[in-house]
């Protein structure tokens, strides 16, 4: 099965703010960014289109011609708990140092760990793998895409953040 993974466009919050699972809106550059993405997938035919429930993904899916994608909660970005919508350099939680030392296993701000996010994304991928789809599209987040890369063996947990996944990135994988 071929899966086209698309990261959402820029968001309407300043750099350095933790937003993860918070439903933030798209930036003012949305249409310009979305047009580029739409032009890259315009000629592709998908058997199914899945989407994170967050606005930044749903708006992009709609712009690209998929106003009613299959919404799946497992495609959401990592939940950073009480750190959401705080500046990284202003977080005063004493547990942040432990999280920096073991972000794979320790839940961020009481939310979820990267391993927990991986388990939900892997569960989603395992489920759709059993379907008869040839080509699938996912509108999602950088964390979701990193988890998919681990799932197919392209990276491991410790190296998952070695490569940047820019806003609007399109990655094709096979499962």
N, C-alpha and C. Protein backbone atom coordinates (compact mmCIF):
# COMPACT_ATOMS: atom_id res chain seq x y z
N UNK A 1 0.84 -1.18 0.00
CA UNK A 1 0.00 0.00 0.00
C UNK A 1 0.89 1.24 0.00
N UNK A 2 0.55 2.17 -0.87
CA UNK A 2 1.28 3.44 -0.92
C UNK A 2 0.52 4.46 -0.07
N UNK A 3 1.25 5.12 0.83
CA UNK A 3 0.64 6.13 1.69
C UNK A 3 1.34 7.46 1.45
N UNK A 4 0.56 8.47 1.10
CA UNK A 4 1.07 9.83 0.95
C UNK A 4 0.78 10.56 2.25
N UNK A 5 1.84 10.95 2.94
CA UNK A 5 1.73 11.67 4.22
C UNK A 5 1.96 13.15 3.95
N UNK A 6 1.03 13.99 4.39
CA UNK A 6 1.14 15.43 4.16
C UNK A 6 1.09 16.15 5.49
N UNK A 7 2.13 16.94 5.77
CA UNK A 7 2.12 17.75 6.98
C UNK A 7 1.36 19.04 6.70
N UNK A 8 0.62 19.49 7.68
CA UNK A 8 -0.14 20.73 7.56
C UNK A 8 0.76 21.93 7.26
N UNK A 9 0.16 23.03 6.89
CA UNK A 9 0.87 24.27 6.60
C UNK A 9 1.22 24.99 7.91
N UNK A 10 1.85 26.15 7.78
CA UNK A 10 2.21 26.95 8.96
C UNK A 10 0.96 27.29 9.78
N UNK A 11 1.20 27.51 11.07
CA UNK A 11 0.09 27.83 11.98
C UNK A 11 0.18 29.28 12.45
N UNK A 12 -0.94 29.77 12.97
CA UNK A 12 -1.07 31.17 13.37
C UNK A 12 -0.64 31.40 14.81
N UNK A 13 0.54 30.93 15.15
CA UNK A 13 1.12 31.21 16.46
C UNK A 13 2.60 31.50 16.27
N UNK A 14 3.20 32.24 17.20
CA UNK A 14 4.62 32.56 17.05
C UNK A 14 5.52 31.33 17.20
N UNK A 15 6.71 31.36 16.60
CA UNK A 15 7.67 30.27 16.79
C UNK A 15 8.03 30.11 18.26
N UNK A 16 8.35 28.89 18.65
CA UNK A 16 8.78 28.63 20.02
C UNK A 16 7.65 28.31 20.98
N UNK A 17 6.41 28.32 20.49
CA UNK A 17 5.26 27.99 21.33
C UNK A 17 4.92 26.51 21.14
N UNK A 18 4.67 25.82 22.24
CA UNK A 18 4.28 24.42 22.21
C UNK A 18 2.80 24.37 21.86
N UNK A 19 2.45 23.73 20.75
CA UNK A 19 1.02 23.67 20.41
C UNK A 19 0.50 22.26 20.18
N UNK A 20 1.33 21.31 19.85
CA UNK A 20 0.95 19.90 19.76
C UNK A 20 -0.49 19.59 19.45
N UNK A 21 -1.25 19.15 20.45
CA UNK A 21 -2.64 18.71 20.25
C UNK A 21 -3.65 19.86 20.35
N UNK A 22 -3.18 21.08 20.59
CA UNK A 22 -4.09 22.23 20.64
C UNK A 22 -4.59 22.53 19.23
N UNK A 23 -5.85 22.86 19.12
CA UNK A 23 -6.45 23.11 17.81
C UNK A 23 -6.22 24.57 17.41
N UNK A 24 -5.03 24.85 16.90
CA UNK A 24 -4.69 26.21 16.46
C UNK A 24 -5.04 26.38 14.98
N UNK A 25 -5.25 27.63 14.59
CA UNK A 25 -5.63 27.91 13.21
C UNK A 25 -4.41 28.00 12.31
N UNK A 26 -4.66 28.03 11.02
CA UNK A 26 -3.58 28.16 10.03
C UNK A 26 -3.12 29.61 9.95
N UNK A 27 -1.90 29.80 9.45
CA UNK A 27 -1.32 31.14 9.29
C UNK A 27 -1.94 31.86 8.09
N UNK A 28 -1.65 33.15 8.00
CA UNK A 28 -2.17 33.96 6.89
C UNK A 28 -1.62 33.52 5.54
N UNK A 29 -0.56 32.74 5.54
CA UNK A 29 0.05 32.24 4.30
C UNK A 29 -0.60 30.93 3.82
N UNK A 30 -1.69 30.54 4.47
CA UNK A 30 -2.30 29.24 4.19
C UNK A 30 -2.58 29.00 2.71
N UNK A 31 -3.29 29.91 2.06
CA UNK A 31 -3.69 29.65 0.67
C UNK A 31 -2.48 29.47 -0.24
N UNK A 32 -1.47 30.29 -0.04
CA UNK A 32 -0.25 30.18 -0.86
C UNK A 32 0.43 28.82 -0.64
N UNK A 33 0.57 28.43 0.62
CA UNK A 33 1.20 27.15 0.94
C UNK A 33 0.35 25.97 0.46
N UNK A 34 -0.95 26.06 0.69
CA UNK A 34 -1.86 24.97 0.33
C UNK A 34 -1.93 24.77 -1.18
N UNK A 35 -1.81 25.86 -1.94
CA UNK A 35 -1.84 25.76 -3.40
C UNK A 35 -0.67 24.92 -3.90
N UNK A 36 0.49 25.10 -3.29
CA UNK A 36 1.67 24.32 -3.68
C UNK A 36 1.44 22.83 -3.41
N UNK A 37 0.91 22.54 -2.23
CA UNK A 37 0.63 21.15 -1.87
C UNK A 37 -0.40 20.54 -2.82
N UNK A 38 -1.48 21.28 -3.05
CA UNK A 38 -2.55 20.79 -3.93
C UNK A 38 -2.03 20.49 -5.33
N UNK A 39 -1.12 21.33 -5.81
CA UNK A 39 -0.58 21.10 -7.16
C UNK A 39 0.25 19.82 -7.23
N UNK A 40 0.86 19.43 -6.12
CA UNK A 40 1.67 18.21 -6.10
C UNK A 40 0.84 16.93 -6.03
N UNK A 41 -0.37 17.03 -5.51
CA UNK A 41 -1.19 15.81 -5.38
C UNK A 41 -2.40 15.82 -6.31
N UNK A 42 -2.55 16.86 -7.08
CA UNK A 42 -3.73 17.04 -7.95
C UNK A 42 -4.02 15.81 -8.82
N UNK A 43 -3.00 15.21 -9.39
CA UNK A 43 -3.19 14.09 -10.31
C UNK A 43 -3.20 12.72 -9.64
N UNK A 44 -3.05 12.71 -8.33
CA UNK A 44 -3.06 11.42 -7.62
C UNK A 44 -4.50 10.99 -7.33
N UNK A 45 -4.72 9.73 -7.41
CA UNK A 45 -6.03 9.14 -7.08
C UNK A 45 -5.85 8.27 -5.84
N UNK A 46 -6.61 8.60 -4.80
CA UNK A 46 -6.51 7.87 -3.54
C UNK A 46 -7.76 7.02 -3.31
N UNK A 47 -7.56 5.83 -2.78
CA UNK A 47 -8.68 4.97 -2.41
C UNK A 47 -9.35 5.46 -1.13
N UNK A 48 -8.56 6.12 -0.29
CA UNK A 48 -9.09 6.67 0.96
C UNK A 48 -8.22 7.85 1.38
N UNK A 49 -8.86 8.84 2.00
CA UNK A 49 -8.15 10.00 2.53
C UNK A 49 -8.50 10.12 4.00
N UNK A 50 -7.48 10.09 4.84
CA UNK A 50 -7.64 10.19 6.28
C UNK A 50 -7.06 11.51 6.76
N UNK A 51 -7.55 11.97 7.91
CA UNK A 51 -7.13 13.28 8.38
C UNK A 51 -7.18 13.35 9.90
N UNK A 52 -6.22 14.06 10.46
CA UNK A 52 -6.28 14.43 11.87
C UNK A 52 -7.53 15.28 12.08
N UNK A 53 -8.13 15.23 13.26
CA UNK A 53 -9.31 16.07 13.51
C UNK A 53 -8.99 17.55 13.70
N UNK A 54 -7.71 17.90 13.81
CA UNK A 54 -7.35 19.29 14.08
C UNK A 54 -7.55 20.17 12.85
N UNK A 55 -8.00 21.39 13.10
CA UNK A 55 -8.36 22.34 12.05
C UNK A 55 -7.27 22.52 11.01
N UNK A 56 -6.02 22.60 11.44
CA UNK A 56 -4.94 22.86 10.50
C UNK A 56 -4.80 21.76 9.45
N UNK A 57 -5.21 20.56 9.78
CA UNK A 57 -5.19 19.45 8.82
C UNK A 57 -6.48 19.39 8.01
N UNK A 58 -7.62 19.59 8.68
CA UNK A 58 -8.90 19.54 7.98
C UNK A 58 -9.00 20.64 6.92
N UNK A 59 -8.51 21.84 7.22
CA UNK A 59 -8.55 22.92 6.23
C UNK A 59 -7.69 22.58 5.02
N UNK A 60 -6.54 21.99 5.25
CA UNK A 60 -5.67 21.63 4.13
C UNK A 60 -6.31 20.53 3.28
N UNK A 61 -6.89 19.54 3.92
CA UNK A 61 -7.56 18.47 3.17
C UNK A 61 -8.67 19.05 2.30
N UNK A 62 -9.47 19.95 2.87
CA UNK A 62 -10.56 20.56 2.10
C UNK A 62 -10.02 21.38 0.93
N UNK A 63 -8.98 22.15 1.17
CA UNK A 63 -8.39 22.96 0.10
C UNK A 63 -7.88 22.08 -1.03
N UNK A 64 -7.35 20.93 -0.69
CA UNK A 64 -6.79 20.01 -1.69
C UNK A 64 -7.86 19.16 -2.38
N UNK A 65 -9.13 19.42 -2.08
CA UNK A 65 -10.21 18.72 -2.77
C UNK A 65 -10.83 17.58 -2.01
N UNK A 66 -10.55 17.49 -0.71
CA UNK A 66 -11.09 16.41 0.12
C UNK A 66 -11.85 17.01 1.30
N UNK A 67 -13.07 17.54 1.05
CA UNK A 67 -13.82 18.22 2.10
C UNK A 67 -14.38 17.28 3.17
N UNK A 68 -14.42 15.99 2.90
CA UNK A 68 -14.97 15.02 3.86
C UNK A 68 -14.02 13.84 4.04
N UNK A 69 -12.78 14.10 4.51
CA UNK A 69 -11.86 12.98 4.74
C UNK A 69 -12.34 12.15 5.93
N UNK A 70 -11.77 10.98 6.07
CA UNK A 70 -12.08 10.14 7.23
C UNK A 70 -11.24 10.66 8.39
N UNK A 71 -11.92 11.19 9.40
CA UNK A 71 -11.23 11.77 10.55
C UNK A 71 -10.85 10.65 11.51
N UNK A 72 -9.60 10.67 11.95
CA UNK A 72 -9.14 9.65 12.90
C UNK A 72 -8.29 10.32 13.98
N UNK A 73 -8.73 10.19 15.21
CA UNK A 73 -8.06 10.80 16.37
C UNK A 73 -6.61 10.33 16.51
N UNK A 74 -6.30 9.14 16.03
CA UNK A 74 -4.95 8.60 16.19
C UNK A 74 -3.92 9.35 15.36
N UNK A 75 -4.37 10.20 14.45
CA UNK A 75 -3.45 10.97 13.61
C UNK A 75 -3.07 12.31 14.23
N UNK A 76 -3.60 12.63 15.40
CA UNK A 76 -3.29 13.90 16.06
C UNK A 76 -1.81 13.99 16.43
N UNK A 77 -1.38 15.22 16.62
CA UNK A 77 -0.02 15.48 17.07
C UNK A 77 0.11 15.07 18.54
N UNK A 78 1.34 14.98 19.01
CA UNK A 78 1.62 14.65 20.41
C UNK A 78 0.91 15.61 21.34
N UNK A 79 0.34 15.09 22.42
CA UNK A 79 -0.31 15.91 23.43
C UNK A 79 0.74 16.28 24.48
N UNK A 80 1.06 17.57 24.53
CA UNK A 80 2.07 18.06 25.46
C UNK A 80 1.48 18.45 26.82
N UNK A 81 0.24 18.08 27.09
CA UNK A 81 -0.38 18.33 28.39
C UNK A 81 -0.37 19.79 28.78
N UNK A 82 0.05 20.06 30.02
CA UNK A 82 0.00 21.43 30.54
C UNK A 82 1.05 22.34 29.90
N UNK A 83 1.93 21.80 29.09
CA UNK A 83 2.91 22.64 28.39
C UNK A 83 2.32 23.28 27.14
N UNK A 84 1.16 22.79 26.70
CA UNK A 84 0.55 23.33 25.47
C UNK A 84 0.33 24.84 25.60
N UNK A 85 0.65 25.53 24.53
CA UNK A 85 0.49 26.98 24.37
C UNK A 85 1.40 27.80 25.29
N UNK A 86 2.46 27.18 25.78
CA UNK A 86 3.50 27.90 26.51
C UNK A 86 4.74 27.98 25.63
N UNK A 87 5.55 29.00 25.87
CA UNK A 87 6.83 29.09 25.18
C UNK A 87 7.76 28.04 25.77
N UNK A 88 8.46 27.32 24.89
CA UNK A 88 9.39 26.29 25.38
C UNK A 88 10.33 26.85 26.44
N UNK A 89 10.86 28.04 26.21
CA UNK A 89 11.85 28.60 27.14
C UNK A 89 11.23 29.21 28.39
N UNK A 90 9.92 29.13 28.55
CA UNK A 90 9.24 29.67 29.74
C UNK A 90 8.60 28.57 30.58
N UNK A 91 8.71 27.34 30.15
CA UNK A 91 8.10 26.23 30.90
C UNK A 91 8.87 26.05 32.20
N UNK A 92 8.14 26.12 33.32
CA UNK A 92 8.77 26.04 34.65
C UNK A 92 8.49 24.73 35.36
N UNK A 93 8.06 23.74 34.64
CA UNK A 93 7.78 22.43 35.20
C UNK A 93 9.10 21.74 35.56
N UNK A 94 9.29 21.34 36.82
CA UNK A 94 10.54 20.67 37.20
C UNK A 94 10.75 19.33 36.47
N UNK A 95 9.70 18.76 35.90
CA UNK A 95 9.82 17.49 35.18
C UNK A 95 10.36 17.65 33.76
N UNK A 96 10.50 18.89 33.31
CA UNK A 96 10.93 19.07 31.92
C UNK A 96 12.33 18.52 31.69
N UNK A 97 13.20 18.61 32.67
CA UNK A 97 14.56 18.08 32.51
C UNK A 97 14.54 16.56 32.36
N UNK A 98 13.67 15.89 33.12
CA UNK A 98 13.53 14.44 32.98
C UNK A 98 12.98 14.10 31.60
N UNK A 99 12.03 14.92 31.12
CA UNK A 99 11.47 14.68 29.80
C UNK A 99 12.54 14.87 28.72
N UNK A 100 13.34 15.93 28.83
CA UNK A 100 14.42 16.14 27.86
C UNK A 100 15.36 14.93 27.82
N UNK A 101 15.59 14.31 28.99
CA UNK A 101 16.49 13.16 29.07
C UNK A 101 15.87 11.88 28.51
N UNK A 102 14.54 11.78 28.54
CA UNK A 102 13.87 10.56 28.07
C UNK A 102 12.51 10.88 27.46
N UNK A 103 12.51 11.71 26.42
CA UNK A 103 11.27 12.14 25.78
C UNK A 103 10.54 11.01 25.07
N UNK A 104 11.22 9.90 24.81
CA UNK A 104 10.55 8.76 24.19
C UNK A 104 9.54 8.15 25.16
N UNK A 105 9.91 8.04 26.43
CA UNK A 105 9.09 7.32 27.40
C UNK A 105 8.35 8.16 28.42
N UNK A 106 8.81 9.38 28.68
CA UNK A 106 8.18 10.22 29.70
C UNK A 106 7.12 11.11 29.05
N UNK A 107 5.90 11.10 29.58
CA UNK A 107 4.85 11.97 29.02
C UNK A 107 5.22 13.45 29.15
N UNK A 108 4.99 14.19 28.10
CA UNK A 108 5.28 15.62 28.06
C UNK A 108 4.21 16.40 28.82
N UNK A 109 4.60 17.08 29.86
CA UNK A 109 3.66 17.93 30.60
C UNK A 109 2.43 17.22 31.11
N UNK A 110 2.56 15.93 31.37
CA UNK A 110 1.40 15.16 31.82
C UNK A 110 0.50 14.72 30.68
N UNK A 111 0.91 15.00 29.45
CA UNK A 111 0.13 14.59 28.27
C UNK A 111 0.50 13.17 27.88
N UNK A 112 1.26 13.03 26.79
CA UNK A 112 1.67 11.70 26.36
C UNK A 112 3.14 11.69 25.98
N UNK A 113 3.72 10.52 26.00
CA UNK A 113 5.11 10.35 25.58
C UNK A 113 5.14 10.10 24.07
N UNK A 114 6.31 10.23 23.49
CA UNK A 114 6.44 9.96 22.06
C UNK A 114 6.13 8.48 21.78
N UNK A 115 6.50 7.61 22.70
CA UNK A 115 6.19 6.18 22.52
C UNK A 115 4.68 5.96 22.50
N UNK A 116 3.95 6.67 23.35
CA UNK A 116 2.49 6.54 23.34
C UNK A 116 1.91 7.04 22.01
N UNK A 117 2.45 8.15 21.50
CA UNK A 117 1.99 8.63 20.20
C UNK A 117 2.30 7.58 19.13
N UNK A 118 3.49 7.03 19.18
CA UNK A 118 3.86 5.99 18.21
C UNK A 118 2.87 4.82 18.25
N UNK A 119 2.50 4.37 19.44
CA UNK A 119 1.59 3.23 19.55
C UNK A 119 0.25 3.52 18.90
N UNK A 120 -0.27 4.75 19.05
CA UNK A 120 -1.56 5.04 18.42
C UNK A 120 -1.43 5.16 16.91
N UNK A 121 -0.33 5.77 16.43
CA UNK A 121 -0.13 5.87 14.98
C UNK A 121 0.12 4.48 14.39
N UNK A 122 0.92 3.67 15.06
CA UNK A 122 1.18 2.30 14.59
C UNK A 122 -0.11 1.49 14.56
N UNK A 123 -0.97 1.68 15.54
CA UNK A 123 -2.26 1.00 15.55
C UNK A 123 -3.10 1.38 14.34
N UNK A 124 -3.09 2.67 14.02
CA UNK A 124 -3.81 3.15 12.83
C UNK A 124 -3.24 2.51 11.57
N UNK A 125 -1.92 2.56 11.42
CA UNK A 125 -1.28 2.00 10.22
C UNK A 125 -1.51 0.50 10.09
N UNK A 126 -1.45 -0.21 11.21
CA UNK A 126 -1.71 -1.65 11.18
C UNK A 126 -3.14 -1.94 10.76
N UNK A 127 -4.06 -1.09 11.19
CA UNK A 127 -5.47 -1.27 10.83
C UNK A 127 -5.70 -1.04 9.34
N UNK A 128 -5.16 0.06 8.79
CA UNK A 128 -5.41 0.31 7.36
C UNK A 128 -4.63 -0.66 6.47
N UNK A 129 -3.56 -1.20 7.01
CA UNK A 129 -2.77 -2.19 6.25
C UNK A 129 -3.61 -3.42 5.93
N UNK A 130 -4.58 -3.72 6.77
CA UNK A 130 -5.45 -4.88 6.56
C UNK A 130 -6.54 -4.61 5.51
N UNK A 131 -6.68 -3.35 5.12
CA UNK A 131 -7.69 -2.98 4.11
C UNK A 131 -7.17 -3.30 2.71
N UNK A 132 -8.02 -3.16 1.73
CA UNK A 132 -7.64 -3.47 0.34
C UNK A 132 -7.23 -2.21 -0.44
N UNK A 133 -6.85 -1.17 0.26
CA UNK A 133 -6.45 0.06 -0.40
C UNK A 133 -5.11 -0.11 -1.12
N UNK A 134 -4.99 0.53 -2.27
CA UNK A 134 -3.71 0.61 -2.97
C UNK A 134 -3.00 1.91 -2.63
N UNK A 135 -3.78 3.01 -2.63
CA UNK A 135 -3.20 4.34 -2.37
C UNK A 135 -4.06 5.08 -1.36
N UNK A 136 -3.39 5.59 -0.34
CA UNK A 136 -4.06 6.29 0.75
C UNK A 136 -3.33 7.61 0.99
N UNK A 137 -4.08 8.62 1.43
CA UNK A 137 -3.49 9.91 1.77
C UNK A 137 -3.81 10.22 3.23
N UNK A 138 -2.82 10.75 3.96
CA UNK A 138 -3.02 11.18 5.34
C UNK A 138 -2.64 12.64 5.47
N UNK A 139 -3.54 13.47 5.98
CA UNK A 139 -3.24 14.86 6.32
C UNK A 139 -2.98 14.87 7.82
N UNK A 140 -1.75 15.18 8.20
CA UNK A 140 -1.38 15.00 9.60
C UNK A 140 -0.31 15.98 10.05
N UNK A 141 0.53 15.54 10.97
CA UNK A 141 1.48 16.39 11.69
C UNK A 141 2.88 15.79 11.62
N UNK A 142 3.87 16.59 11.98
CA UNK A 142 5.25 16.09 11.91
C UNK A 142 5.45 14.90 12.84
N UNK A 143 4.88 14.93 14.04
CA UNK A 143 5.02 13.80 14.95
C UNK A 143 4.41 12.53 14.39
N UNK A 144 3.26 12.67 13.75
CA UNK A 144 2.60 11.53 13.12
C UNK A 144 3.47 10.95 12.01
N UNK A 145 4.06 11.83 11.21
CA UNK A 145 4.92 11.40 10.11
C UNK A 145 6.17 10.71 10.66
N UNK A 146 6.74 11.24 11.73
CA UNK A 146 7.91 10.61 12.35
C UNK A 146 7.56 9.19 12.83
N UNK A 147 6.38 9.05 13.43
CA UNK A 147 5.93 7.73 13.89
C UNK A 147 5.76 6.77 12.72
N UNK A 148 5.23 7.26 11.61
CA UNK A 148 5.07 6.40 10.42
C UNK A 148 6.43 5.95 9.89
N UNK A 149 7.42 6.84 9.95
CA UNK A 149 8.77 6.48 9.49
C UNK A 149 9.38 5.40 10.39
N UNK A 150 9.11 5.47 11.69
CA UNK A 150 9.57 4.41 12.60
C UNK A 150 8.86 3.11 12.25
N UNK A 151 7.57 3.18 12.03
CA UNK A 151 6.75 2.00 11.73
C UNK A 151 7.29 1.22 10.53
N UNK A 152 7.73 1.93 9.50
CA UNK A 152 8.23 1.25 8.29
C UNK A 152 9.73 0.95 8.35
N UNK A 153 10.38 1.29 9.47
CA UNK A 153 11.79 0.97 9.64
C UNK A 153 12.75 1.95 9.01
N UNK A 154 12.29 3.16 8.65
CA UNK A 154 13.17 4.17 8.05
C UNK A 154 14.01 4.90 9.08
N UNK A 155 13.60 4.84 10.34
CA UNK A 155 14.34 5.47 11.42
C UNK A 155 13.99 4.73 12.71
N UNK A 156 14.64 5.13 13.79
CA UNK A 156 14.31 4.57 15.10
C UNK A 156 13.88 5.71 16.02
N UNK A 157 13.49 5.37 17.23
CA UNK A 157 12.99 6.40 18.15
C UNK A 157 14.01 7.50 18.39
N UNK A 158 15.23 7.13 18.70
CA UNK A 158 16.24 8.13 19.06
C UNK A 158 16.64 9.02 17.89
N UNK A 159 16.48 8.53 16.67
CA UNK A 159 16.85 9.31 15.48
C UNK A 159 15.65 9.96 14.80
N UNK A 160 14.47 9.78 15.34
CA UNK A 160 13.25 10.24 14.68
C UNK A 160 13.22 11.74 14.43
N UNK A 161 13.94 12.51 15.23
CA UNK A 161 13.92 13.96 15.07
C UNK A 161 15.19 14.49 14.42
N UNK A 162 15.98 13.60 13.84
CA UNK A 162 17.22 14.01 13.16
C UNK A 162 16.93 14.77 11.87
N UNK A 163 15.86 14.40 11.19
CA UNK A 163 15.50 15.06 9.93
C UNK A 163 14.35 16.03 10.18
N UNK A 164 14.43 17.19 9.55
CA UNK A 164 13.35 18.15 9.65
C UNK A 164 12.20 17.73 8.74
N UNK A 165 10.99 17.95 9.20
CA UNK A 165 9.80 17.73 8.38
C UNK A 165 9.12 19.09 8.27
N UNK A 166 9.38 19.83 7.20
CA UNK A 166 8.86 21.19 7.10
C UNK A 166 7.34 21.23 6.93
N UNK A 167 6.77 22.39 7.24
CA UNK A 167 5.35 22.59 6.99
C UNK A 167 5.07 22.33 5.52
N UNK A 168 3.98 21.61 5.25
CA UNK A 168 3.60 21.33 3.87
C UNK A 168 4.39 20.21 3.21
N UNK A 169 5.20 19.51 3.98
CA UNK A 169 6.00 18.42 3.41
C UNK A 169 5.10 17.27 2.96
N UNK A 170 5.50 16.63 1.88
CA UNK A 170 4.78 15.47 1.35
C UNK A 170 5.77 14.31 1.29
N UNK A 171 5.42 13.22 1.93
CA UNK A 171 6.28 12.05 1.98
C UNK A 171 5.46 10.83 1.57
N UNK A 172 6.01 10.01 0.71
CA UNK A 172 5.33 8.78 0.30
C UNK A 172 6.07 7.58 0.89
N UNK A 173 5.31 6.71 1.55
CA UNK A 173 5.87 5.49 2.13
C UNK A 173 5.07 4.29 1.61
N UNK A 174 5.58 3.11 1.86
CA UNK A 174 4.88 1.88 1.49
C UNK A 174 4.82 0.96 2.70
N UNK A 175 3.65 0.39 2.93
CA UNK A 175 3.51 -0.59 4.02
C UNK A 175 2.91 -1.87 3.46
